[in-house]
Amino acid sequence: MRRAVLWPLTGLAVLVGLAVVLAIAGWLYVHGQFDTPGPARDERTVVLPPGAGCLRHRRSVEEAGVIDDPVLFVAGLWLEDNQHSLKAGEYVFEALVTPRGVMEKLVAGDTVTHRFTVTEGMTSAEVVAALSAAPVLMGEIAAVPAEGSLLPETYPLCARRQPGRADRAHEE
């Protein structure tokens, strides 16, 4: 009778022990690989759309060639509890950036800031023409503002590029 009770308990203890060993091995693997250089041999620009989750962001950096193991990247995000902390925007990743470096940049929101300067003496039509020619912007300007309503200033631009335009615009 006693032996009949011990065998299932021993089997359960072995399974729990094996699960703990596998969990620790997985954590060590992810932790070690999360700090190895990525595949990109040159600088890469990636635009992450607002409202997308960590899986969409993972797909964007993978398609740009910044990371090579998407499962490892998502596992690292979960282990660091940053899966919900990624920020949208335009990012430039240096060559050989680690998955941890990618995560840290996305969590910090270290985005590219584009600026547009309206110089003194520019007419509203010239400002609209310059904005329409800006490669980081898309869409049309519906109307030319009234003369004198645009102050000479340097303004930050919010880039909203179409997919596929990010790398070309960064290289220009």
Protein backbone atom coordinates (compact mmCIF):
# COMPACT_ATOMS: atom_id res chain seq x y z
CA MET A 1 0.00 0.00 0.00
CA ARG A 2 2.77 2.39 0.98
CA ARG A 3 4.67 1.68 -2.21
CA ALA A 4 1.57 2.43 -4.33
CA VAL A 5 1.46 5.94 -2.83
CA LEU A 6 5.22 6.62 -3.15
CA TRP A 7 5.55 5.86 -6.87
CA PRO A 8 3.15 8.59 -8.07
CA LEU A 9 4.70 11.09 -5.65
CA THR A 10 8.20 10.20 -6.82
CA GLY A 11 7.12 10.57 -10.45
CA LEU A 12 5.55 13.94 -9.67
CA ALA A 13 8.71 15.11 -7.90
CA VAL A 14 10.82 14.07 -10.89
CA LEU A 15 8.51 15.94 -13.28
CA VAL A 16 8.58 19.09 -11.12
CA GLY A 17 12.36 18.86 -10.84
CA LEU A 18 12.71 18.43 -14.60
CA ALA A 19 10.40 21.42 -15.23
CA VAL A 20 12.50 23.57 -12.88
CA VAL A 21 15.74 22.51 -14.58
CA LEU A 22 14.27 23.23 -18.04
CA ALA A 23 12.95 26.64 -16.90
CA ILE A 24 16.36 27.60 -15.51
CA ALA A 25 18.12 26.37 -18.67
CA GLY A 26 15.69 28.36 -20.85
CA TRP A 27 16.18 31.48 -18.77
CA LEU A 28 19.97 31.15 -18.98
CA TYR A 29 19.81 30.61 -22.74
CA VAL A 30 17.58 33.63 -23.38
CA HIS A 31 19.56 35.80 -20.99
CA GLY A 32 22.84 34.87 -22.69
CA GLN A 33 21.57 35.21 -26.26
CA PHE A 34 19.81 38.50 -25.51
CA ASP A 35 23.22 40.17 -25.23
CA THR A 36 24.77 38.80 -28.45
CA PRO A 37 25.17 41.10 -31.47
CA GLY A 38 22.38 41.11 -34.02
CA PRO A 39 22.68 40.37 -37.75
CA ALA A 40 22.64 43.94 -39.14
CA ARG A 41 26.05 44.92 -40.51
CA ASP A 42 24.96 48.50 -41.10
CA GLU A 43 22.63 51.10 -39.62
CA ARG A 44 18.90 50.34 -40.05
CA THR A 45 15.85 52.58 -39.76
CA VAL A 46 12.53 51.12 -38.61
CA VAL A 47 9.16 52.84 -38.23
CA LEU A 48 6.92 51.24 -35.61
CA PRO A 49 3.24 52.13 -36.00
CA PRO A 50 1.21 53.43 -33.07
CA GLY A 51 -1.25 51.03 -31.51
CA ALA A 52 0.71 47.91 -32.45
CA GLY A 53 1.66 45.33 -29.85
CA CYS A 54 4.99 43.70 -29.12
CA LEU A 55 4.43 41.00 -31.77
CA ARG A 56 3.92 43.60 -34.53
CA HIS A 57 6.97 45.53 -33.33
CA ARG A 58 8.95 42.29 -33.28
CA ARG A 59 7.92 41.63 -36.87
CA SER A 60 9.01 45.14 -37.94
CA VAL A 61 12.51 44.87 -36.45
CA GLU A 62 12.86 41.33 -37.80
CA GLU A 63 11.86 42.38 -41.34
CA ALA A 64 14.40 45.21 -41.18
CA GLY A 65 17.11 42.69 -40.30
CA VAL A 66 17.82 44.19 -36.87
CA ILE A 67 17.11 40.92 -35.01
CA ASP A 68 17.42 37.38 -36.33
CA ASP A 69 15.54 35.36 -33.70
CA PRO A 70 12.04 36.74 -33.10
CA VAL A 71 11.16 34.11 -30.50
CA LEU A 72 14.26 35.00 -28.49
CA PHE A 73 13.39 38.72 -28.75
CA VAL A 74 9.83 38.22 -27.49
CA ALA A 75 11.06 35.87 -24.73
CA GLY A 76 13.54 38.54 -23.64
CA LEU A 77 10.79 41.15 -23.59
CA TRP A 78 8.68 38.91 -21.38
CA LEU A 79 11.56 38.02 -19.06
CA GLU A 80 12.35 41.73 -18.64
CA ASP A 81 8.60 42.49 -18.26
CA ASN A 82 8.75 45.01 -21.11
CA GLN A 83 6.27 43.46 -23.53
CA HIS A 84 3.80 46.34 -22.94
CA SER A 85 6.38 49.15 -22.67
CA LEU A 86 7.45 49.47 -26.31
CA LYS A 87 6.85 52.86 -27.88
CA ALA A 88 5.92 53.62 -31.48
CA GLY A 89 8.01 55.92 -33.64
CA GLU A 90 10.93 56.02 -36.03
CA TYR A 91 14.11 54.37 -34.74
CA VAL A 92 17.64 54.12 -36.05
CA PHE A 93 19.52 51.02 -34.91
CA GLU A 94 23.29 50.88 -35.16
CA ALA A 95 25.07 47.92 -36.72
CA LEU A 96 25.29 44.72 -34.65
CA VAL A 97 22.86 46.02 -32.00
CA THR A 98 21.92 43.33 -29.47
CA PRO A 99 18.30 42.31 -28.88
CA ARG A 100 18.66 43.90 -25.43
CA GLY A 101 19.81 47.15 -27.08
CA VAL A 102 16.78 47.05 -29.39
CA MET A 103 14.48 46.50 -26.41
CA GLU A 104 16.07 49.31 -24.39
CA LYS A 105 15.74 51.76 -27.29
CA LEU A 106 12.09 50.83 -27.87
CA VAL A 107 11.24 51.08 -24.17
CA ALA A 108 13.02 54.44 -23.80
CA GLY A 109 11.30 55.82 -26.90
CA ASP A 110 14.65 56.95 -28.31
CA THR A 111 13.14 57.98 -31.64
CA VAL A 112 14.49 60.02 -34.51
CA THR A 113 13.46 63.68 -34.38
CA HIS A 114 13.05 65.44 -37.70
CA ARG A 115 12.96 69.21 -37.76
CA PHE A 116 11.68 71.74 -40.22
CA THR A 117 12.83 75.35 -40.13
CA VAL A 118 10.73 78.23 -41.36
CA THR A 119 13.19 81.01 -42.01
CA GLU A 120 12.35 84.67 -41.80
CA GLY A 121 10.98 85.94 -45.08
CA MET A 122 9.54 82.63 -46.29
CA THR A 123 6.08 82.97 -47.72
CA SER A 124 3.32 80.56 -46.72
CA ALA A 125 3.40 79.08 -50.24
CA GLU A 126 7.16 78.43 -49.91
CA VAL A 127 6.62 76.74 -46.54
CA VAL A 128 3.88 74.52 -47.98
CA ALA A 129 6.08 73.64 -50.98
CA ALA A 130 9.01 72.73 -48.70
CA LEU A 131 6.78 70.63 -46.44
CA SER A 132 5.26 68.86 -49.45
CA ALA A 133 8.75 67.97 -50.65
CA ALA A 134 9.88 66.63 -47.24
CA PRO A 135 10.60 62.89 -47.68
CA VAL A 136 9.62 62.00 -44.11
CA LEU A 137 6.06 63.27 -44.47
CA MET A 138 3.16 61.89 -46.44
CA GLY A 139 -0.21 63.25 -47.38
CA GLU A 140 -1.32 66.48 -48.93
CA ILE A 141 -1.65 69.95 -47.44
CA ALA A 142 -5.22 71.05 -48.11
CA ALA A 143 -4.75 74.82 -48.01
CA VAL A 144 -2.00 77.41 -47.84
CA PRO A 145 -2.13 79.25 -44.48
CA ALA A 146 -2.61 82.99 -44.47
CA GLU A 147 0.51 85.08 -44.96
CA GLY A 148 2.13 86.00 -41.64
CA SER A 149 0.49 83.13 -39.74
CA LEU A 150 3.64 80.94 -39.85
CA LEU A 151 6.33 82.18 -37.51
CA PRO A 152 10.05 81.80 -38.24
CA GLU A 153 10.89 78.81 -36.06
CA THR A 154 12.31 75.31 -36.10
CA TYR A 155 9.47 72.83 -35.68
CA PRO A 156 9.66 69.12 -34.86
CA LEU A 157 8.02 66.90 -37.45
CA CYS A 158 6.05 63.80 -36.67
CA ALA A 159 7.10 61.35 -39.38
CA ARG A 160 4.36 59.16 -40.76
CA ARG A 161 5.92 57.13 -43.53
CA GLN A 162 4.43 54.42 -45.57
CA PRO A 163 5.95 50.95 -45.09
CA GLY A 164 9.00 50.58 -47.28
CA ARG A 165 9.82 54.30 -47.37
CA ALA A 166 11.73 54.35 -44.06
CA ASP A 167 15.11 53.16 -45.31
CA ARG A 168 15.03 55.17 -48.53
CA ALA A 169 14.13 58.42 -46.76
CA HIS A 170 16.83 57.90 -44.14
CA GLU A 171 19.46 57.43 -46.85
CA GLU A 172 18.53 60.66 -48.69
